[in-house]
C-alpha atoms as a PDB file:
ATOM      1  CA  UNK A   1      -0.134  -0.003  -0.364  1.00  0.00           C
ATOM      2  CA  UNK A   2       1.300   3.481  -0.579  1.00  0.00           C
ATOM      3  CA  UNK A   3       1.609   6.235   2.007  1.00  0.00           C
ATOM      4  CA  UNK A   4      -1.064   8.536  -0.022  1.00  0.00           C
ATOM      5  CA  UNK A   5      -3.778   5.949   0.751  1.00  0.00           C
ATOM      6  CA  UNK A   6      -2.090   4.558   3.989  1.00  0.00           C
ATOM      7  CA  UNK A   7      -2.608   8.458   5.489  1.00  0.00           C
ATOM      8  CA  UNK A   8      -6.204   8.639   4.964  1.00  0.00           C
ATOM      9  CA  UNK A   9      -7.141   4.920   6.697  1.00  0.00           C
ATOM     10  CA  UNK A  10      -4.682   5.815   9.544  1.00  0.00           C
ATOM     11  CA  UNK A  11      -6.859   8.614   9.974  1.00  0.00           C
ATOM     12  CA  UNK A  12      -9.791   7.294   9.811  1.00  0.00           C
ATOM     13  CA  UNK A  13      -9.074   4.362  12.209  1.00  0.00           C
ATOM     14  CA  UNK A  14      -7.638   6.883  14.740  1.00  0.00           C
ATOM     15  CA  UNK A  15     -10.908   9.309  14.350  1.00  0.00           C
ATOM     16  CA  UNK A  16     -12.478   6.152  14.852  1.00  0.00           C
ATOM     17  CA  UNK A  17     -11.110   4.960  17.923  1.00  0.00           C
ATOM     18  CA  UNK A  18     -11.706   8.597  19.407  1.00  0.00           C
ATOM     19  CA  UNK A  19     -15.397   8.797  18.371  1.00  0.00           C
ATOM     20  CA  UNK A  20     -15.850   5.074  20.236  1.00  0.00           C
ATOM     21  CA  UNK A  21     -14.056   6.269  23.485  1.00  0.00           C
ATOM     22  CA  UNK A  22     -15.980   9.126  23.462  1.00  0.00           C
ATOM     23  CA  UNK A  23     -19.496   7.318  22.854  1.00  0.00           C
ATOM     24  CA  UNK A  24     -18.672   4.439  25.279  1.00  0.00           C
ATOM     25  CA  UNK A  25     -21.523   4.064  27.834  1.00  0.00           C
ATOM     26  CA  UNK A  26     -21.042   3.888  31.538  1.00  0.00           C
ATOM     27  CA  UNK A  27     -22.205   1.065  34.044  1.00  0.00           C
ATOM     28  CA  UNK A  28     -25.982   1.498  34.202  1.00  0.00           C
ATOM     29  CA  UNK A  29     -27.565   2.310  37.371  1.00  0.00           C
ATOM     30  CA  UNK A  30     -28.842  -1.487  37.724  1.00  0.00           C
ATOM     31  CA  UNK A  31     -24.931  -2.316  36.969  1.00  0.00           C
ATOM     32  CA  UNK A  32     -23.927   0.272  39.693  1.00  0.00           C
ATOM     33  CA  UNK A  33     -26.614  -0.854  42.250  1.00  0.00           C
ATOM     34  CA  UNK A  34     -25.546  -4.683  41.602  1.00  0.00           C
ATOM     35  CA  UNK A  35     -21.795  -4.286  41.730  1.00  0.00           C
ATOM     36  CA  UNK A  36     -21.977  -2.113  45.368  1.00  0.00           C
ATOM     37  CA  UNK A  37     -25.183  -3.082  47.265  1.00  0.00           C
ATOM     38  CA  UNK A  38     -23.366  -5.779  49.345  1.00  0.00           C
ATOM     39  CA  UNK A  39     -20.009  -3.567  49.498  1.00  0.00           C
ATOM     40  CA  UNK A  40     -17.164  -3.924  47.485  1.00  0.00           C
ATOM     41  CA  UNK A  41     -13.298  -3.466  48.070  1.00  0.00           C
ATOM     42  CA  UNK A  42     -12.255  -1.547  45.049  1.00  0.00           C
ATOM     43  CA  UNK A  43      -8.341  -1.626  43.412  1.00  0.00           C
ATOM     44  CA  UNK A  44      -7.533   1.899  42.478  1.00  0.00           C
ATOM     45  CA  UNK A  45      -4.928   2.802  40.030  1.00  0.00           C
ATOM     46  CA  UNK A  46      -2.410   0.223  39.442  1.00  0.00           C
ATOM     47  CA  UNK A  47       1.211   0.160  36.873  1.00  0.00           C
ATOM     48  CA  UNK A  48       1.002   3.113  34.347  1.00  0.00           C
ATOM     49  CA  UNK A  49      -1.605   4.822  36.149  1.00  0.00           C
ATOM     50  CA  UNK A  50       0.526   7.325  38.833  1.00  0.00           C
ATOM     51  CA  UNK A  51      -1.015   5.742  42.202  1.00  0.00           C
ATOM     52  CA  UNK A  52      -2.675   2.626  43.379  1.00  0.00           C
ATOM     53  CA  UNK A  53      -4.250   1.872  46.728  1.00  0.00           C
ATOM     54  CA  UNK A  54      -7.922   0.564  47.499  1.00  0.00           C
ATOM     55  CA  UNK A  55     -10.829   1.628  48.898  1.00  0.00           C
ATOM     56  CA  UNK A  56     -13.579  -0.358  50.786  1.00  0.00           C
ATOM     57  CA  UNK A  57     -17.475   0.992  49.946  1.00  0.00           C
ATOM     58  CA  UNK A  58     -19.622  -0.630  52.720  1.00  0.00           C
ATOM     59  CA  UNK A  59     -23.162  -1.213  51.485  1.00  0.00           C
ATOM     60  CA  UNK A  60     -24.725   1.470  53.925  1.00  0.00           C
ATOM     61  CA  UNK A  61     -22.826   4.455  51.712  1.00  0.00           C
ATOM     62  CA  UNK A  62     -19.532   4.689  53.313  1.00  0.00           C
ATOM     63  CA  UNK A  63     -16.256   4.728  51.751  1.00  0.00           C
ATOM     64  CA  UNK A  64     -12.976   4.352  53.157  1.00  0.00           C
ATOM     65  CA  UNK A  65      -9.112   3.547  51.562  1.00  0.00           C
ATOM     66  CA  UNK A  66      -6.118   4.989  50.522  1.00  0.00           C
ATOM     67  CA  UNK A  67      -3.883   5.390  47.711  1.00  0.00           C
ATOM     68  CA  UNK A  68      -0.381   6.292  47.310  1.00  0.00           C
ATOM     69  CA  UNK A  69       1.379   8.763  44.168  1.00  0.00           C
ATOM     70  CA  UNK A  70       4.193   7.028  42.555  1.00  0.00           C
ATOM     71  CA  UNK A  71       5.671  10.098  43.991  1.00  0.00           C
ATOM     72  CA  UNK A  72       5.366   8.662  47.430  1.00  0.00           C
ATOM     73  CA  UNK A  73       2.310  10.835  48.537  1.00  0.00           C
ATOM     74  CA  UNK A  74      -0.404   8.779  50.316  1.00  0.00           C
ATOM     75  CA  UNK A  75      -3.988  10.592  49.927  1.00  0.00           C
ATOM     76  CA  UNK A  76      -6.550   9.340  52.406  1.00  0.00           C
ATOM     77  CA  UNK A  77     -10.095   8.830  51.398  1.00  0.00           C
ATOM     78  CA  UNK A  78     -13.155   8.861  53.824  1.00  0.00           C
ATOM     79  CA  UNK A  79     -16.629   9.479  52.970  1.00  0.00           C
ATOM     80  CA  UNK A  80     -19.977   8.677  51.902  1.00  0.00           C
ATOM     81  CA  UNK A  81     -21.409   7.516  48.026  1.00  0.00           C
ATOM     82  CA  UNK A  82     -24.384   6.701  46.813  1.00  0.00           C
ATOM     83  CA  UNK A  83     -25.955   5.738  42.885  1.00  0.00           C
ATOM     84  CA  UNK A  84     -27.587   8.417  41.374  1.00  0.00           C
ATOM     85  CA  UNK A  85     -28.782   7.702  38.119  1.00  0.00           C
ATOM     86  CA  UNK A  86     -26.191   6.101  36.071  1.00  0.00           C
ATOM     87  CA  UNK A  87     -23.316   7.353  38.166  1.00  0.00           C
ATOM     88  CA  UNK A  88     -21.602   6.858  41.362  1.00  0.00           C
ATOM     89  CA  UNK A  89     -21.645   9.999  43.263  1.00  0.00           C
ATOM     90  CA  UNK A  90     -19.088  10.771  46.533  1.00  0.00           C
ATOM     91  CA  UNK A  91     -18.164  13.082  49.163  1.00  0.00           C
ATOM     92  CA  UNK A  92     -14.826  12.508  50.314  1.00  0.00           C
ATOM     93  CA  UNK A  93     -13.989  14.350  53.304  1.00  0.00           C
ATOM     94  CA  UNK A  94     -10.574  15.633  52.378  1.00  0.00           C
ATOM     95  CA  UNK A  95     -10.243  15.669  48.370  1.00  0.00           C
ATOM     96  CA  UNK A  96     -12.327  17.781  45.979  1.00  0.00           C
ATOM     97  CA  UNK A  97     -12.883  20.132  48.906  1.00  0.00           C
ATOM     98  CA  UNK A  98     -15.243  18.028  50.509  1.00  0.00           C
ATOM     99  CA  UNK A  99     -17.479  18.989  47.257  1.00  0.00           C
ATOM    100  CA  UNK A 100     -19.838  15.758  45.691  1.00  0.00           C
ATOM    101  CA  UNK A 101     -18.421  14.343  42.783  1.00  0.00           C
ATOM    102  CA  UNK A 102     -20.552  12.045  40.388  1.00  0.00           C
ATOM    103  CA  UNK A 103     -18.835  10.102  38.157  1.00  0.00           C
ATOM    104  CA  UNK A 104     -19.347   7.797  35.171  1.00  0.00           C
ATOM    105  CA  UNK A 105     -17.750   4.253  35.450  1.00  0.00           C
ATOM    106  CA  UNK A 106     -17.045   3.086  31.747  1.00  0.00           C
ATOM    107  CA  UNK A 107     -16.047  -0.514  31.619  1.00  0.00           C
ATOM    108  CA  UNK A 108     -12.827  -1.234  30.325  1.00  0.00           C
ATOM    109  CA  UNK A 109     -13.136  -5.227  31.244  1.00  0.00           C
ATOM    110  CA  UNK A 110     -15.752  -7.388  33.263  1.00  0.00           C
ATOM    111  CA  UNK A 111     -13.982  -6.642  36.434  1.00  0.00           C
ATOM    112  CA  UNK A 112     -12.627  -2.841  35.494  1.00  0.00           C
ATOM    113  CA  UNK A 113     -13.548   0.832  34.749  1.00  0.00           C
ATOM    114  CA  UNK A 114     -12.317   3.877  33.721  1.00  0.00           C
ATOM    115  CA  UNK A 115     -13.212   6.561  35.725  1.00  0.00           C
ATOM    116  CA  UNK A 116     -15.056   9.654  34.258  1.00  0.00           C
ATOM    117  CA  UNK A 117     -15.682  12.990  35.682  1.00  0.00           C
ATOM    118  CA  UNK A 118     -17.220  14.461  32.895  1.00  0.00           C
ATOM    119  CA  UNK A 119     -15.345  14.619  29.629  1.00  0.00           C
ATOM    120  CA  UNK A 120     -12.527  14.096  31.982  1.00  0.00           C
ATOM    121  CA  UNK A 121     -10.977  10.592  32.877  1.00  0.00           C
ATOM    122  CA  UNK A 122      -9.745  10.541  36.706  1.00  0.00           C
ATOM    123  CA  UNK A 123      -9.081   6.967  37.796  1.00  0.00           C
ATOM    124  CA  UNK A 124      -9.485   3.526  36.822  1.00  0.00           C
ATOM    125  CA  UNK A 125     -11.164   0.935  39.501  1.00  0.00           C
ATOM    126  CA  UNK A 126     -10.870  -2.905  39.539  1.00  0.00           C
ATOM    127  CA  UNK A 127     -12.359  -5.758  41.727  1.00  0.00           C
END
C-alpha cells in the first residue's frame, strides 16, 4: 500500500477509536447497584496510572481507603457515596474540598472501569 492511501486509513482509524471512546456508555444504574449493594473493595489505579491503593465501600454508603502516588504521597479517602442515576456519586472528606463528585464508570473489562468526571478521565478502578 502506498503512503497516500495509508494516511487517510490511519486518520479514519484514529478518529473511529476516538469517537468510540467518547461515546462508550458507562455502567447503568442497575449495574452500579448490583456491583455495590453488598459492599465491595475496589483496587485503585495500578501500573502506569500514577497511583495505586484500595477503597472499601460498605453497603450503608460509607467509604474508606487510601492511595499512594508514584511520588510517594499518601492520599486518605473517607466519606460517603451513593448511586444517582447512572453515576457513582461521592463526597470524600479531604478530597475535592468535600464537594460531591458524580462519576461515570466506563467498563474496560468485566472487572475494571475507567472513571470519568464529565469528559475528564480521573482514575481506574478494578475489583
